[in-house]
Amino acid sequence: MLSMTGYGKVQLAEDGREITVELKSVNHRFLDISCRLPRALSFAEDALRKTIGRYLRRGHVDVFVNYQNTRQDARTVRVDEALAMQYRDAVKQLCLATGAEDDCKASFYAQLPDVVTVEVAQDDQEKVLELLQKAAECALVQMVEMRTREGEALYQDLSEHLKLMEEQVAVIAKLAPEVPLLYQEKLLARLKDMQVNDLDEQRLAQEVALMADHCAIDEELSRLSSHIAQTRQVMAQKGEAGRKLDFLVQEMNREVNTIGSKASDARITKCVVAAKSEIEKLREQVQNVE
């Protein structure tokens, strides 16, 4: 069982190229990837998304990539001598026309538009993509390791809440058979207070039977125990578990609500409140399971 919270960061350098990949992930219903790449690496975004998809199934993932090319042949300074000469001739002509002295140095011409330009060589996309993939996979391994550790902590936390749930279910199961008997005692006490002497035993038995049928929660308890057992099974399995766990928690909540609506015993109601508290904690934790 994996958590959807994770982090990984790797910096790799090779042949004058340096790439840094940083990954952050949080919970999300699906796999949602947000990439921030420099323009020089925009061609690699689709491949990067596919690589992430091979490692992760769910979660919102922020991807930050930084790229530097420090190779000597990456940039070339070009001087347009012909254009510089045209600028020089224009300056001389201007000096003759105005009588001004020509004191322009080479640095002046170098600052004029298009005289000196820096050309960026076309990088080898195949080599850049290979380095990016390598860095991304290393960062993903870090992230999966962290998500695994977080998943182990989630497993322990969920197991504790399930254990507390089972304790409440056991108490409810023990109290449930007593409800009709308590109802019968209360009914007899009420009839006695009303000074009803001519007591119809058959009618009393019918009332108690109706009450017992109304308060019967055996099926709900059975399904609730089954959901708890299934939850443990899903938690122990490898692969995506979050959606299944979310469904099972919803079903547990439904059964507990039904038990609460049927319960006419304060002790059972107290157990229902405690069980719902554990279910709410389960729901919060399950949202972060991949």
C-alpha atoms as a PDB file:
ATOM      1  CA  MET A   1       0.000   0.000   0.000  1.00  0.00           C
ATOM      2  CA  LEU A   2       1.454   3.335  -1.082  1.00  0.00           C
ATOM      3  CA  SER A   3       0.786   6.877   0.040  1.00  0.00           C
ATOM      4  CA  MET A   4       0.271   9.599  -2.559  1.00  0.00           C
ATOM      5  CA  THR A   5       2.565  11.983  -0.665  1.00  0.00           C
ATOM      6  CA  GLY A   6       6.125  11.888  -1.966  1.00  0.00           C
ATOM      7  CA  TYR A   7       9.201  13.854  -2.991  1.00  0.00           C
ATOM      8  CA  GLY A   8      12.280  13.247  -5.107  1.00  0.00           C
ATOM      9  CA  LYS A   9      15.085  15.424  -6.452  1.00  0.00           C
ATOM     10  CA  VAL A  10      18.067  14.421  -8.598  1.00  0.00           C
ATOM     11  CA  GLN A  11      20.786  16.371 -10.408  1.00  0.00           C
ATOM     12  CA  LEU A  12      22.798  14.688 -13.152  1.00  0.00           C
ATOM     13  CA  ALA A  13      25.625  16.052 -15.316  1.00  0.00           C
ATOM     14  CA  GLU A  14      27.052  14.506 -18.459  1.00  0.00           C
ATOM     15  CA  ASP A  15      29.111  15.844 -21.404  1.00  0.00           C
ATOM     16  CA  GLY A  16      28.670  19.459 -20.353  1.00  0.00           C
ATOM     17  CA  ARG A  17      24.922  19.094 -19.850  1.00  0.00           C
ATOM     18  CA  GLU A  18      23.348  19.398 -16.412  1.00  0.00           C
ATOM     19  CA  ILE A  19      19.735  18.492 -15.596  1.00  0.00           C
ATOM     20  CA  THR A  20      17.892  18.784 -12.286  1.00  0.00           C
ATOM     21  CA  VAL A  21      14.529  17.050 -11.839  1.00  0.00           C
ATOM     22  CA  GLU A  22      12.404  17.765  -8.768  1.00  0.00           C
ATOM     23  CA  LEU A  23       9.117  15.925  -8.103  1.00  0.00           C
ATOM     24  CA  LYS A  24       6.416  16.628  -5.530  1.00  0.00           C
ATOM     25  CA  SER A  25       3.190  14.627  -5.177  1.00  0.00           C
ATOM     26  CA  VAL A  26       0.022  14.929  -3.098  1.00  0.00           C
ATOM     27  CA  ASN A  27      -3.314  13.119  -3.096  1.00  0.00           C
ATOM     28  CA  HIS A  28      -5.631  13.328  -6.114  1.00  0.00           C
ATOM     29  CA  ARG A  29      -8.417  11.161  -7.527  1.00  0.00           C
ATOM     30  CA  PHE A  30      -6.426  10.426 -10.680  1.00  0.00           C
ATOM     31  CA  LEU A  31      -2.863  10.830 -11.946  1.00  0.00           C
ATOM     32  CA  ASP A  32      -2.554  14.551 -12.622  1.00  0.00           C
ATOM     33  CA  ILE A  33       0.865  15.741 -13.835  1.00  0.00           C
ATOM     34  CA  SER A  34       1.928  19.386 -13.982  1.00  0.00           C
ATOM     35  CA  CYS A  35       5.247  19.915 -15.831  1.00  0.00           C
ATOM     36  CA  ARG A  36       7.435  23.014 -15.703  1.00  0.00           C
ATOM     37  CA  LEU A  37      10.220  22.622 -18.241  1.00  0.00           C
ATOM     38  CA  PRO A  38      12.556  25.186 -19.828  1.00  0.00           C
ATOM     39  CA  ARG A  39      11.744  25.990 -23.435  1.00  0.00           C
ATOM     40  CA  ALA A  40      14.783  24.047 -24.637  1.00  0.00           C
ATOM     41  CA  LEU A  41      13.245  20.839 -23.219  1.00  0.00           C
ATOM     42  CA  SER A  42       9.633  21.367 -24.282  1.00  0.00           C
ATOM     43  CA  PHE A  43      10.032  18.586 -26.865  1.00  0.00           C
ATOM     44  CA  ALA A  44      10.552  16.069 -24.029  1.00  0.00           C
ATOM     45  CA  GLU A  45       7.341  16.716 -22.054  1.00  0.00           C
ATOM     46  CA  ASP A  46       5.293  13.849 -23.525  1.00  0.00           C
ATOM     47  CA  ALA A  47       8.091  11.346 -22.922  1.00  0.00           C
ATOM     48  CA  LEU A  48       8.499  12.624 -19.354  1.00  0.00           C
ATOM     49  CA  ARG A  49       4.780  12.191 -18.651  1.00  0.00           C
ATOM     50  CA  LYS A  50       4.897   8.602 -19.925  1.00  0.00           C
ATOM     51  CA  THR A  51       7.879   7.851 -17.690  1.00  0.00           C
ATOM     52  CA  ILE A  52       6.034   9.168 -14.629  1.00  0.00           C
ATOM     53  CA  GLY A  53       2.981   7.108 -15.596  1.00  0.00           C
ATOM     54  CA  ARG A  54       5.059   3.924 -15.450  1.00  0.00           C
ATOM     55  CA  TYR A  55       5.901   4.564 -11.788  1.00  0.00           C
ATOM     56  CA  LEU A  56       2.770   6.231 -10.395  1.00  0.00           C
ATOM     57  CA  ARG A  57      -0.957   5.488 -10.684  1.00  0.00           C
ATOM     58  CA  ARG A  58      -2.622   8.276  -8.721  1.00  0.00           C
ATOM     59  CA  GLY A  59      -1.791  11.657  -7.236  1.00  0.00           C
ATOM     60  CA  HIS A  60      -1.135  15.230  -8.319  1.00  0.00           C
ATOM     61  CA  VAL A  61       2.526  15.453  -9.345  1.00  0.00           C
ATOM     62  CA  ASP A  62       4.415  18.730  -9.798  1.00  0.00           C
ATOM     63  CA  VAL A  63       7.496  18.354 -12.004  1.00  0.00           C
ATOM     64  CA  PHE A  64      10.236  21.003 -12.035  1.00  0.00           C
ATOM     65  CA  VAL A  65      13.117  20.652 -14.510  1.00  0.00           C
ATOM     66  CA  ASN A  66      16.199  22.858 -14.795  1.00  0.00           C
ATOM     67  CA  TYR A  67      18.645  22.479 -17.683  1.00  0.00           C
ATOM     68  CA  GLN A  68      22.061  24.000 -18.356  1.00  0.00           C
ATOM     69  CA  ASN A  69      24.300  23.410 -21.341  1.00  0.00           C
ATOM     70  CA  THR A  70      27.897  24.406 -20.506  1.00  0.00           C
ATOM     71  CA  ARG A  71      29.538  22.746 -23.507  1.00  0.00           C
ATOM     72  CA  GLN A  72      32.057  24.965 -25.334  1.00  0.00           C
ATOM     73  CA  ASP A  73      30.354  24.417 -28.667  1.00  0.00           C
ATOM     74  CA  ALA A  74      26.939  25.317 -27.246  1.00  0.00           C
ATOM     75  CA  ARG A  75      27.372  29.037 -28.043  1.00  0.00           C
ATOM     76  CA  THR A  76      29.318  30.800 -30.791  1.00  0.00           C
ATOM     77  CA  VAL A  77      30.059  34.524 -30.982  1.00  0.00           C
ATOM     78  CA  ARG A  78      29.715  35.891 -34.514  1.00  0.00           C
ATOM     79  CA  VAL A  79      31.036  39.264 -35.727  1.00  0.00           C
ATOM     80  CA  ASP A  80      29.453  40.808 -38.816  1.00  0.00           C
ATOM     81  CA  GLU A  81      32.505  42.681 -40.110  1.00  0.00           C
ATOM     82  CA  ALA A  82      30.731  43.943 -43.218  1.00  0.00           C
ATOM     83  CA  LEU A  83      27.969  45.496 -41.114  1.00  0.00           C
ATOM     84  CA  ALA A  84      30.552  47.061 -38.786  1.00  0.00           C
ATOM     85  CA  MET A  85      32.288  48.649 -41.797  1.00  0.00           C
ATOM     86  CA  GLN A  86      28.977  50.091 -42.961  1.00  0.00           C
ATOM     87  CA  TYR A  87      28.449  51.606 -39.513  1.00  0.00           C
ATOM     88  CA  ARG A  88      31.996  53.036 -39.634  1.00  0.00           C
ATOM     89  CA  ASP A  89      31.445  54.580 -43.082  1.00  0.00           C
ATOM     90  CA  ALA A  90      28.164  56.093 -41.889  1.00  0.00           C
ATOM     91  CA  VAL A  91      29.895  57.626 -38.855  1.00  0.00           C
ATOM     92  CA  LYS A  92      32.669  59.093 -41.055  1.00  0.00           C
ATOM     93  CA  GLN A  93      30.100  60.582 -43.417  1.00  0.00           C
ATOM     94  CA  LEU A  94      28.280  62.099 -40.458  1.00  0.00           C
ATOM     95  CA  CYS A  95      31.519  63.593 -39.118  1.00  0.00           C
ATOM     96  CA  LEU A  96      32.285  65.193 -42.495  1.00  0.00           C
ATOM     97  CA  ALA A  97      28.818  66.665 -42.685  1.00  0.00           C
ATOM     98  CA  THR A  98      28.892  68.102 -39.171  1.00  0.00           C
ATOM     99  CA  GLY A  99      32.584  68.812 -38.738  1.00  0.00           C
ATOM    100  CA  ALA A 100      32.686  66.649 -35.656  1.00  0.00           C
ATOM    101  CA  GLU A 101      35.712  64.570 -34.753  1.00  0.00           C
ATOM    102  CA  ASP A 102      35.553  60.794 -35.237  1.00  0.00           C
ATOM    103  CA  ASP A 103      36.660  59.329 -31.893  1.00  0.00           C
ATOM    104  CA  CYS A 104      34.685  56.053 -32.061  1.00  0.00           C
ATOM    105  CA  LYS A 105      36.504  52.933 -30.854  1.00  0.00           C
ATOM    106  CA  ALA A 106      35.875  49.290 -31.747  1.00  0.00           C
ATOM    107  CA  SER A 107      33.845  48.807 -28.550  1.00  0.00           C
ATOM    108  CA  PHE A 108      31.383  51.396 -29.836  1.00  0.00           C
ATOM    109  CA  TYR A 109      30.746  49.431 -33.022  1.00  0.00           C
ATOM    110  CA  ALA A 110      30.487  46.167 -31.085  1.00  0.00           C
ATOM    111  CA  GLN A 111      27.476  47.554 -29.216  1.00  0.00           C
ATOM    112  CA  LEU A 112      25.575  48.474 -32.354  1.00  0.00           C
ATOM    113  CA  PRO A 113      22.671  46.206 -33.421  1.00  0.00           C
ATOM    114  CA  ASP A 114      23.613  42.883 -35.058  1.00  0.00           C
ATOM    115  CA  VAL A 115      27.362  43.574 -35.204  1.00  0.00           C
ATOM    116  CA  VAL A 116      28.129  41.020 -32.494  1.00  0.00           C
ATOM    117  CA  THR A 117      25.674  38.136 -32.028  1.00  0.00           C
ATOM    118  CA  VAL A 118      25.656  34.938 -29.977  1.00  0.00           C
ATOM    119  CA  GLU A 119      24.440  31.856 -31.797  1.00  0.00           C
ATOM    120  CA  VAL A 120      23.120  28.925 -29.764  1.00  0.00           C
ATOM    121  CA  ALA A 121      23.969  25.635 -31.412  1.00  0.00           C
ATOM    122  CA  GLN A 122      21.182  23.114 -31.903  1.00  0.00           C
ATOM    123  CA  ASP A 123      21.573  20.623 -29.052  1.00  0.00           C
ATOM    124  CA  ASP A 124      21.469  16.867 -29.557  1.00  0.00           C
ATOM    125  CA  GLN A 125      17.880  16.186 -28.500  1.00  0.00           C
ATOM    126  CA  GLU A 126      18.438  12.451 -28.255  1.00  0.00           C
ATOM    127  CA  LYS A 127      21.264  12.853 -25.732  1.00  0.00           C
ATOM    128  CA  VAL A 128      19.355  15.498 -23.783  1.00  0.00           C
ATOM    129  CA  LEU A 129      16.267  13.269 -23.621  1.00  0.00           C
ATOM    130  CA  GLU A 130      18.377  10.318 -22.467  1.00  0.00           C
ATOM    131  CA  LEU A 131      19.870  12.382 -19.616  1.00  0.00           C
ATOM    132  CA  LEU A 132      16.438  13.761 -18.684  1.00  0.00           C
ATOM    133  CA  GLN A 133      14.908  10.276 -18.570  1.00  0.00           C
ATOM    134  CA  LYS A 134      17.748   9.029 -16.392  1.00  0.00           C
ATOM    135  CA  ALA A 135      17.344  11.933 -13.945  1.00  0.00           C
ATOM    136  CA  ALA A 136      13.550  11.571 -13.900  1.00  0.00           C
ATOM    137  CA  GLU A 137      13.711   7.843 -13.149  1.00  0.00           C
ATOM    138  CA  CYS A 138      16.189   8.395 -10.300  1.00  0.00           C
ATOM    139  CA  ALA A 139      13.892  11.065  -8.824  1.00  0.00           C
ATOM    140  CA  LEU A 140      10.892   8.753  -9.256  1.00  0.00           C
ATOM    141  CA  VAL A 141      12.691   5.962  -7.392  1.00  0.00           C
ATOM    142  CA  GLN A 142      13.246   8.395  -4.507  1.00  0.00           C
ATOM    143  CA  MET A 143       9.598   9.401  -4.598  1.00  0.00           C
ATOM    144  CA  VAL A 144       8.325   5.801  -4.641  1.00  0.00           C
ATOM    145  CA  GLU A 145      10.572   4.968  -1.687  1.00  0.00           C
ATOM    146  CA  MET A 146       9.090   7.874   0.262  1.00  0.00           C
ATOM    147  CA  ARG A 147       5.547   6.951  -0.762  1.00  0.00           C
ATOM    148  CA  THR A 148       6.249   3.400   0.408  1.00  0.00           C
ATOM    149  CA  ARG A 149       7.422   4.611   3.825  1.00  0.00           C
ATOM    150  CA  GLU A 150       4.392   6.875   4.105  1.00  0.00           C
ATOM    151  CA  GLY A 151       2.203   3.944   3.037  1.00  0.00           C
ATOM    152  CA  GLU A 152       3.599   1.783   5.836  1.00  0.00           C
ATOM    153  CA  ALA A 153       2.733   4.494   8.357  1.00  0.00           C
ATOM    154  CA  LEU A 154      -0.764   4.747   6.858  1.00  0.00           C
ATOM    155  CA  TYR A 155      -1.151   0.970   7.121  1.00  0.00           C
ATOM    156  CA  GLN A 156      -0.382   1.053  10.846  1.00  0.00           C
ATOM    157  CA  ASP A 157      -2.741   3.970  11.412  1.00  0.00           C
ATOM    158  CA  LEU A 158      -5.599   2.376   9.447  1.00  0.00           C
ATOM    159  CA  SER A 159      -5.075  -0.937  11.246  1.00  0.00           C
ATOM    160  CA  GLU A 160      -5.416   0.785  14.617  1.00  0.00           C
ATOM    161  CA  HIS A 161      -8.671   2.480  13.605  1.00  0.00           C
ATOM    162  CA  LEU A 162     -10.042  -0.830  12.281  1.00  0.00           C
ATOM    163  CA  LYS A 163      -9.146  -2.516  15.568  1.00  0.00           C
ATOM    164  CA  LEU A 164     -11.065   0.139  17.505  1.00  0.00           C
ATOM    165  CA  MET A 165     -13.963  -0.290  15.075  1.00  0.00           C
ATOM    166  CA  GLU A 166     -14.018  -4.040  15.704  1.00  0.00           C
ATOM    167  CA  GLU A 167     -14.117  -3.435  19.451  1.00  0.00           C
ATOM    168  CA  GLN A 168     -17.218  -1.252  19.074  1.00  0.00           C
ATOM    169  CA  VAL A 169     -18.860  -3.812  16.771  1.00  0.00           C
ATOM    170  CA  ALA A 170     -18.205  -6.555  19.336  1.00  0.00           C
ATOM    171  CA  VAL A 171     -19.853  -4.501  22.092  1.00  0.00           C
ATOM    172  CA  ILE A 172     -22.873  -3.739  19.885  1.00  0.00           C
ATOM    173  CA  ALA A 173     -23.223  -7.432  18.975  1.00  0.00           C
ATOM    174  CA  LYS A 174     -23.208  -8.317  22.667  1.00  0.00           C
ATOM    175  CA  LEU A 175     -25.814  -5.675  23.561  1.00  0.00           C
ATOM    176  CA  ALA A 176     -28.168  -6.250  20.611  1.00  0.00           C
ATOM    177  CA  PRO A 177     -29.971  -9.361  22.023  1.00  0.00           C
ATOM    178  CA  GLU A 178     -30.744  -7.464  25.225  1.00  0.00           C
ATOM    179  CA  VAL A 179     -32.730  -4.725  23.478  1.00  0.00           C
ATOM    180  CA  PRO A 180     -36.069  -6.633  23.117  1.00  0.00           C
ATOM    181  CA  LEU A 181     -35.856  -7.835  26.731  1.00  0.00           C
ATOM    182  CA  LEU A 182     -35.246  -4.305  27.986  1.00  0.00           C
ATOM    183  CA  TYR A 183     -38.149  -3.097  25.861  1.00  0.00           C
ATOM    184  CA  GLN A 184     -40.398  -5.757  27.404  1.00  0.00           C
ATOM    185  CA  GLU A 185     -39.370  -4.680  30.907  1.00  0.00           C
ATOM    186  CA  LYS A 186     -40.060  -1.024  30.114  1.00  0.00           C
ATOM    187  CA  LEU A 187     -43.421  -1.899  28.562  1.00  0.00           C
ATOM    188  CA  LEU A 188     -44.468  -3.941  31.600  1.00  0.00           C
ATOM    189  CA  ALA A 189     -43.388  -1.146  33.924  1.00  0.00           C
ATOM    190  CA  ARG A 190     -45.407   1.374  31.917  1.00  0.00           C
ATOM    191  CA  LEU A 191     -48.509  -0.842  31.961  1.00  0.00           C
ATOM    192  CA  LYS A 192     -48.100  -1.282  35.700  1.00  0.00           C
ATOM    193  CA  ASP A 193     -47.900   2.479  36.179  1.00  0.00           C
ATOM    194  CA  MET A 194     -51.082   2.791  34.119  1.00  0.00           C
ATOM    195  CA  GLN A 195     -52.650   0.173  36.421  1.00  0.00           C
ATOM    196  CA  VAL A 196     -53.587  -2.135  33.585  1.00  0.00           C
ATOM    197  CA  ASN A 197     -54.839  -5.286  35.317  1.00  0.00           C
ATOM    198  CA  ASP A 198     -56.268  -7.191  32.376  1.00  0.00           C
ATOM    199  CA  LEU A 199     -52.954  -7.856  30.573  1.00  0.00           C
ATOM    200  CA  ASP A 200     -53.154  -9.627  27.235  1.00  0.00           C
ATOM    201  CA  GLU A 201     -50.061 -11.816  27.217  1.00  0.00           C
ATOM    202  CA  GLN A 202     -50.415 -12.565  23.512  1.00  0.00           C
ATOM    203  CA  ARG A 203     -50.640  -8.879  22.613  1.00  0.00           C
ATOM    204  CA  LEU A 204     -47.608  -8.182  24.785  1.00  0.00           C
ATOM    205  CA  ALA A 205     -45.635 -10.913  23.009  1.00  0.00           C
ATOM    206  CA  GLN A 206     -46.616  -9.446  19.639  1.00  0.00           C
ATOM    207  CA  GLU A 207     -45.438  -5.970  20.668  1.00  0.00           C
ATOM    208  CA  VAL A 208     -42.116  -7.332  21.869  1.00  0.00           C
ATOM    209  CA  ALA A 209     -41.709  -9.368  18.663  1.00  0.00           C
ATOM    210  CA  LEU A 210     -42.413  -6.296  16.524  1.00  0.00           C
ATOM    211  CA  MET A 211     -39.899  -4.304  18.518  1.00  0.00           C
ATOM    212  CA  ALA A 212     -37.307  -7.061  18.184  1.00  0.00           C
ATOM    213  CA  ASP A 213     -37.853  -7.159  14.420  1.00  0.00           C
ATOM    214  CA  HIS A 214     -37.570  -3.378  14.162  1.00  0.00           C
ATOM    215  CA  CYS A 215     -34.353  -3.305  16.187  1.00  0.00           C
ATOM    216  CA  ALA A 216     -32.743  -6.342  14.541  1.00  0.00           C
ATOM    217  CA  ILE A 217     -29.233  -5.422  13.401  1.00  0.00           C
ATOM    218  CA  ASP A 218     -27.751  -8.872  12.799  1.00  0.00           C
ATOM    219  CA  GLU A 219     -27.453  -8.320   9.040  1.00  0.00           C
ATOM    220  CA  GLU A 220     -25.878  -4.894   9.475  1.00  0.00           C
ATOM    221  CA  LEU A 221     -23.356  -6.268  11.968  1.00  0.00           C
ATOM    222  CA  SER A 222     -22.518  -9.141   9.626  1.00  0.00           C
ATOM    223  CA  ARG A 223     -21.951  -6.811   6.662  1.00  0.00           C
ATOM    224  CA  LEU A 224     -19.957  -4.405   8.818  1.00  0.00           C
ATOM    225  CA  SER A 225     -17.646  -7.201   9.979  1.00  0.00           C
ATOM    226  CA  SER A 226     -17.287  -8.324   6.365  1.00  0.00           C
ATOM    227  CA  HIS A 227     -16.343  -4.789   5.237  1.00  0.00           C
ATOM    228  CA  ILE A 228     -13.698  -4.576   7.960  1.00  0.00           C
ATOM    229  CA  ALA A 229     -12.230  -7.924   6.875  1.00  0.00           C
ATOM    230  CA  GLN A 230     -12.232  -6.857   3.202  1.00  0.00           C
ATOM    231  CA  THR A 231     -10.521  -3.602   4.134  1.00  0.00           C
ATOM    232  CA  ARG A 232      -7.698  -5.525   5.786  1.00  0.00           C
ATOM    233  CA  GLN A 233      -7.361  -7.717   2.685  1.00  0.00           C
ATOM    234  CA  VAL A 234      -7.151  -4.720   0.343  1.00  0.00           C
ATOM    235  CA  MET A 235      -4.582  -3.057   2.598  1.00  0.00           C
ATOM    236  CA  ALA A 236      -2.395  -6.172   2.424  1.00  0.00           C
ATOM    237  CA  GLN A 237      -2.488  -6.358  -1.380  1.00  0.00           C
ATOM    238  CA  LYS A 238       0.039  -4.740  -3.697  1.00  0.00           C
ATOM    239  CA  GLY A 239      -1.027  -2.165  -6.248  1.00  0.00           C
ATOM    240  CA  GLU A 240      -3.720   0.492  -6.268  1.00  0.00           C
ATOM    241  CA  ALA A 241      -5.897   0.317  -3.159  1.00  0.00           C
ATOM    242  CA  GLY A 242      -7.210   3.831  -2.529  1.00  0.00           C
ATOM    243  CA  ARG A 243     -10.460   3.647  -4.515  1.00  0.00           C
ATOM    244  CA  LYS A 244     -11.393   0.241  -3.062  1.00  0.00           C
ATOM    245  CA  LEU A 245     -10.689   1.431   0.473  1.00  0.00           C
ATOM    246  CA  ASP A 246     -12.718   4.584  -0.087  1.00  0.00           C
ATOM    247  CA  PHE A 247     -15.697   2.484  -1.235  1.00  0.00           C
ATOM    248  CA  LEU A 248     -15.421   0.119   1.756  1.00  0.00           C
ATOM    249  CA  VAL A 249     -15.269   3.023   4.204  1.00  0.00           C
ATOM    250  CA  GLN A 250     -18.446   4.453   2.648  1.00  0.00           C
ATOM    251  CA  GLU A 251     -20.161   1.076   3.060  1.00  0.00           C
ATOM    252  CA  MET A 252     -19.041   0.853   6.697  1.00  0.00           C
ATOM    253  CA  ASN A 253     -20.450   4.297   7.328  1.00  0.00           C
ATOM    254  CA  ARG A 254     -23.771   3.282   5.751  1.00  0.00           C
ATOM    255  CA  GLU A 255     -24.084   0.184   7.960  1.00  0.00           C
ATOM    256  CA  VAL A 256     -23.205   2.098  11.123  1.00  0.00           C
ATOM    257  CA  ASN A 257     -25.784   4.775  10.268  1.00  0.00           C
ATOM    258  CA  THR A 258     -28.429   2.057   9.847  1.00  0.00           C
ATOM    259  CA  ILE A 259     -27.493   0.530  13.201  1.00  0.00           C
ATOM    260  CA  GLY A 260     -27.731   3.972  14.780  1.00  0.00           C
ATOM    261  CA  SER A 261     -31.192   4.576  13.341  1.00  0.00           C
ATOM    262  CA  LYS A 262     -32.439   1.204  14.617  1.00  0.00           C
ATOM    263  CA  ALA A 263     -30.819   1.345  18.025  1.00  0.00           C
ATOM    264  CA  SER A 264     -33.098   2.225  20.917  1.00  0.00           C
ATOM    265  CA  ASP A 265     -30.455   1.570  23.533  1.00  0.00           C
ATOM    266  CA  ALA A 266     -28.247   4.353  24.886  1.00  0.00           C
ATOM    267  CA  ARG A 267     -25.301   1.985  25.195  1.00  0.00           C
ATOM    268  CA  ILE A 268     -25.524   0.999  21.528  1.00  0.00           C
ATOM    269  CA  THR A 269     -25.894   4.650  20.535  1.00  0.00           C
ATOM    270  CA  LYS A 270     -22.685   5.425  22.416  1.00  0.00           C
ATOM    271  CA  CYS A 271     -20.880   2.664  20.503  1.00  0.00           C
ATOM    272  CA  VAL A 272     -22.286   3.974  17.212  1.00  0.00           C
ATOM    273  CA  VAL A 273     -20.914   7.456  17.938  1.00  0.00           C
ATOM    274  CA  ALA A 274     -17.486   5.976  18.721  1.00  0.00           C
ATOM    275  CA  ALA A 275     -17.577   3.837  15.559  1.00  0.00           C
ATOM    276  CA  LYS A 276     -18.501   6.844  13.378  1.00  0.00           C
ATOM    277  CA  SER A 277     -15.562   8.738  14.861  1.00  0.00           C
ATOM    278  CA  GLU A 278     -13.202   5.948  13.778  1.00  0.00           C
ATOM    279  CA  ILE A 279     -14.818   5.820  10.326  1.00  0.00           C
ATOM    280  CA  GLU A 280     -14.232   9.541   9.874  1.00  0.00           C
ATOM    281  CA  LYS A 281     -10.556   9.057  10.733  1.00  0.00           C
ATOM    282  CA  LEU A 282     -10.404   6.158   8.272  1.00  0.00           C
ATOM    283  CA  ARG A 283     -11.976   8.324   5.571  1.00  0.00           C
ATOM    284  CA  GLU A 284      -9.378  11.064   6.071  1.00  0.00           C
ATOM    285  CA  GLN A 285      -6.445   8.648   5.892  1.00  0.00           C
ATOM    286  CA  VAL A 286      -7.790   6.664   2.936  1.00  0.00           C
ATOM    287  CA  GLN A 287      -7.858   9.845   0.820  1.00  0.00           C
ATOM    288  CA  ASN A 288      -4.057   9.715   0.729  1.00  0.00           C
ATOM    289  CA  VAL A 289      -3.745   6.054  -0.318  1.00  0.00           C
ATOM    290  CA  GLU A 290      -2.733   5.446  -3.937  1.00  0.00           C
END
